[in-house]
């Protein structure tokens, strides 16, 4: 599983595989995941909200859900 996270901010699920499918990412896949993570982490709340509205990203609820606030 590859995730991106900023302290006191949201977590982003970037990529995931079952262990029996893939044990490691290839270098180009890892670079792509890092680029995607940096892009997501650079967004402010308004940009994230627009991405949610366009269905570019999907918010997943959990027990300690934090929603993106409107700015």
N, C-alpha and C. Protein backbone atom coordinates (compact mmCIF):
# COMPACT_ATOMS: atom_id res chain seq x y z
N UNK A 1 0.85 -1.16 0.00
CA UNK A 1 0.00 0.00 0.00
C UNK A 1 0.90 1.23 0.00
N UNK A 2 0.52 2.22 -0.78
CA UNK A 2 1.25 3.49 -0.84
C UNK A 2 0.27 4.58 -0.43
N UNK A 3 0.65 5.35 0.58
CA UNK A 3 -0.17 6.46 1.04
C UNK A 3 0.67 7.73 1.11
N UNK A 4 0.00 8.87 1.06
CA UNK A 4 0.65 10.16 1.27
C UNK A 4 -0.07 10.82 2.44
N UNK A 5 0.69 11.54 3.28
CA UNK A 5 0.10 12.13 4.48
C UNK A 5 0.89 13.36 4.87
N UNK A 6 0.18 14.37 5.32
CA UNK A 6 0.84 15.52 5.92
C UNK A 6 0.37 15.61 7.37
N UNK A 7 1.26 16.04 8.23
CA UNK A 7 0.93 16.08 9.66
C UNK A 7 -0.32 16.91 9.89
N UNK A 8 -1.23 16.35 10.68
CA UNK A 8 -2.50 16.99 11.03
C UNK A 8 -3.38 17.24 9.80
N UNK A 9 -3.15 16.49 8.74
CA UNK A 9 -3.93 16.65 7.53
C UNK A 9 -4.48 15.32 7.05
N UNK A 10 -5.06 15.34 5.88
CA UNK A 10 -5.66 14.11 5.36
C UNK A 10 -4.61 13.09 4.92
N UNK A 11 -5.04 11.86 4.84
CA UNK A 11 -4.24 10.76 4.29
C UNK A 11 -4.78 10.49 2.90
N UNK A 12 -3.89 10.20 1.97
CA UNK A 12 -4.28 9.87 0.61
C UNK A 12 -3.80 8.47 0.27
N UNK A 13 -4.72 7.62 -0.14
CA UNK A 13 -4.38 6.28 -0.61
C UNK A 13 -3.99 6.43 -2.07
N UNK A 14 -2.76 6.08 -2.39
CA UNK A 14 -2.26 6.25 -3.75
C UNK A 14 -2.37 4.96 -4.56
N UNK A 15 -1.93 3.86 -3.99
CA UNK A 15 -1.88 2.60 -4.73
C UNK A 15 -1.87 1.45 -3.74
N UNK A 16 -2.41 0.32 -4.14
CA UNK A 16 -2.38 -0.85 -3.26
C UNK A 16 -2.52 -2.13 -4.04
N UNK A 17 -1.89 -3.15 -3.53
CA UNK A 17 -1.94 -4.48 -4.16
C UNK A 17 -2.00 -5.52 -3.06
N UNK A 18 -2.61 -6.65 -3.38
CA UNK A 18 -2.53 -7.79 -2.48
C UNK A 18 -1.12 -8.36 -2.55
N UNK A 19 -0.63 -8.89 -1.44
CA UNK A 19 0.74 -9.43 -1.41
C UNK A 19 0.97 -10.50 -2.46
N UNK A 20 -0.06 -11.27 -2.76
CA UNK A 20 0.12 -12.33 -3.76
C UNK A 20 0.11 -11.79 -5.19
N UNK A 21 -0.23 -10.52 -5.37
CA UNK A 21 -0.23 -9.89 -6.69
C UNK A 21 1.11 -9.23 -7.02
N UNK A 22 1.66 -8.54 -6.03
CA UNK A 22 2.86 -7.74 -6.27
C UNK A 22 3.56 -7.50 -4.95
N UNK A 23 4.86 -7.70 -4.91
CA UNK A 23 5.58 -7.49 -3.65
C UNK A 23 6.22 -6.12 -3.57
N UNK A 24 6.64 -5.57 -4.69
CA UNK A 24 7.28 -4.25 -4.72
C UNK A 24 6.89 -3.49 -5.97
N UNK A 25 6.96 -2.18 -5.89
CA UNK A 25 6.72 -1.35 -7.07
C UNK A 25 7.99 -1.27 -7.90
N UNK A 26 7.82 -1.23 -9.20
CA UNK A 26 8.95 -0.99 -10.08
C UNK A 26 9.34 0.49 -9.99
N UNK A 27 10.59 0.85 -10.28
CA UNK A 27 11.01 2.26 -10.17
C UNK A 27 10.09 3.26 -10.88
N UNK A 28 9.60 2.99 -12.10
CA UNK A 28 8.68 3.96 -12.72
C UNK A 28 7.36 4.08 -11.97
N UNK A 29 6.88 2.98 -11.41
CA UNK A 29 5.63 3.01 -10.62
C UNK A 29 5.83 3.81 -9.34
N UNK A 30 6.97 3.62 -8.69
CA UNK A 30 7.26 4.36 -7.47
C UNK A 30 7.37 5.85 -7.76
N UNK A 31 8.02 6.22 -8.85
CA UNK A 31 8.11 7.63 -9.23
C UNK A 31 6.73 8.22 -9.46
N UNK A 32 5.87 7.48 -10.16
CA UNK A 32 4.51 7.96 -10.42
C UNK A 32 3.74 8.15 -9.12
N UNK A 33 3.88 7.22 -8.18
CA UNK A 33 3.20 7.34 -6.88
C UNK A 33 3.70 8.55 -6.12
N UNK A 34 5.01 8.78 -6.14
CA UNK A 34 5.58 9.95 -5.45
C UNK A 34 5.06 11.25 -6.06
N UNK A 35 5.01 11.30 -7.40
CA UNK A 35 4.50 12.50 -8.07
C UNK A 35 3.04 12.74 -7.71
N UNK A 36 2.24 11.69 -7.72
CA UNK A 36 0.83 11.82 -7.36
C UNK A 36 0.67 12.29 -5.92
N UNK A 37 1.46 11.71 -5.02
CA UNK A 37 1.41 12.11 -3.62
C UNK A 37 1.79 13.57 -3.43
N UNK A 38 2.84 14.01 -4.09
CA UNK A 38 3.27 15.41 -3.97
C UNK A 38 2.19 16.36 -4.50
N UNK A 39 1.54 15.97 -5.58
CA UNK A 39 0.46 16.77 -6.14
C UNK A 39 -0.69 16.90 -5.14
N UNK A 40 -1.10 15.78 -4.58
CA UNK A 40 -2.20 15.80 -3.61
C UNK A 40 -1.84 16.59 -2.36
N UNK A 41 -0.62 16.42 -1.88
CA UNK A 41 -0.20 17.11 -0.66
C UNK A 41 -0.03 18.60 -0.86
N UNK A 42 0.15 19.03 -2.10
CA UNK A 42 0.33 20.46 -2.37
C UNK A 42 -1.01 21.20 -2.47
N UNK A 43 -2.11 20.46 -2.55
CA UNK A 43 -3.43 21.09 -2.69
C UNK A 43 -3.90 21.68 -1.38
N UNK A 44 -4.56 22.85 -1.47
CA UNK A 44 -5.19 23.40 -0.29
C UNK A 44 -6.62 22.85 -0.21
N UNK A 45 -7.35 23.23 0.82
CA UNK A 45 -8.70 22.69 1.05
C UNK A 45 -9.63 22.97 -0.11
N UNK A 46 -9.54 24.17 -0.71
CA UNK A 46 -10.43 24.51 -1.83
C UNK A 46 -10.11 23.64 -3.05
N UNK A 47 -8.84 23.41 -3.32
CA UNK A 47 -8.46 22.56 -4.45
C UNK A 47 -8.91 21.12 -4.23
N UNK A 48 -8.76 20.64 -3.01
CA UNK A 48 -9.22 19.28 -2.70
C UNK A 48 -10.73 19.17 -2.87
N UNK A 49 -11.46 20.17 -2.43
CA UNK A 49 -12.92 20.18 -2.56
C UNK A 49 -13.32 20.14 -4.03
N UNK A 50 -12.64 20.93 -4.87
CA UNK A 50 -12.94 20.92 -6.30
C UNK A 50 -12.63 19.54 -6.90
N UNK A 51 -11.54 18.93 -6.47
CA UNK A 51 -11.19 17.59 -6.95
C UNK A 51 -12.24 16.57 -6.55
N UNK A 52 -12.76 16.70 -5.33
CA UNK A 52 -13.85 15.83 -4.89
C UNK A 52 -15.09 16.04 -5.74
N UNK A 53 -15.42 17.30 -5.99
CA UNK A 53 -16.61 17.63 -6.77
C UNK A 53 -16.52 17.09 -8.20
N UNK A 54 -15.29 17.05 -8.76
CA UNK A 54 -15.08 16.54 -10.12
C UNK A 54 -14.90 15.02 -10.14
N UNK A 55 -14.92 14.40 -8.97
CA UNK A 55 -14.67 12.95 -8.84
C UNK A 55 -13.26 12.56 -9.27
N UNK A 56 -12.31 13.51 -9.15
CA UNK A 56 -10.90 13.20 -9.40
C UNK A 56 -10.32 12.41 -8.24
N UNK A 57 -10.84 12.67 -7.04
CA UNK A 57 -10.47 11.93 -5.83
C UNK A 57 -11.75 11.51 -5.14
N UNK A 58 -11.65 10.53 -4.28
CA UNK A 58 -12.82 10.05 -3.56
C UNK A 58 -12.50 10.07 -2.06
N UNK A 59 -13.39 10.61 -1.28
CA UNK A 59 -13.21 10.63 0.16
C UNK A 59 -13.75 9.33 0.74
N UNK A 60 -12.96 8.72 1.61
CA UNK A 60 -13.34 7.47 2.25
C UNK A 60 -13.52 7.73 3.73
N UNK A 61 -14.67 7.38 4.26
CA UNK A 61 -14.95 7.60 5.67
C UNK A 61 -14.30 6.55 6.54
N UNK A 62 -14.04 6.94 7.78
CA UNK A 62 -13.51 6.00 8.77
C UNK A 62 -14.03 6.43 10.12
N UNK A 63 -13.65 5.73 11.18
CA UNK A 63 -14.14 6.06 12.52
C UNK A 63 -13.80 7.49 12.94
N UNK A 64 -12.63 7.97 12.53
CA UNK A 64 -12.19 9.32 12.91
C UNK A 64 -12.22 10.21 11.68
N UNK A 65 -13.33 10.19 10.97
CA UNK A 65 -13.44 10.90 9.70
C UNK A 65 -13.25 12.40 9.88
N UNK A 66 -12.44 12.96 9.02
CA UNK A 66 -12.27 14.42 8.93
C UNK A 66 -12.67 14.82 7.53
N UNK A 67 -13.68 15.66 7.41
CA UNK A 67 -14.13 16.09 6.10
C UNK A 67 -13.37 17.34 5.70
N UNK A 68 -13.25 17.54 4.41
CA UNK A 68 -12.61 18.74 3.89
C UNK A 68 -13.61 19.88 4.04
N UNK A 69 -13.19 20.90 4.74
CA UNK A 69 -14.06 22.04 5.00
C UNK A 69 -14.11 22.96 3.78
N UNK A 70 -15.27 23.57 3.56
CA UNK A 70 -15.37 24.57 2.51
C UNK A 70 -14.58 25.80 2.92
N UNK A 71 -13.88 26.38 1.97
CA UNK A 71 -13.08 27.58 2.26
C UNK A 71 -13.77 28.80 1.75
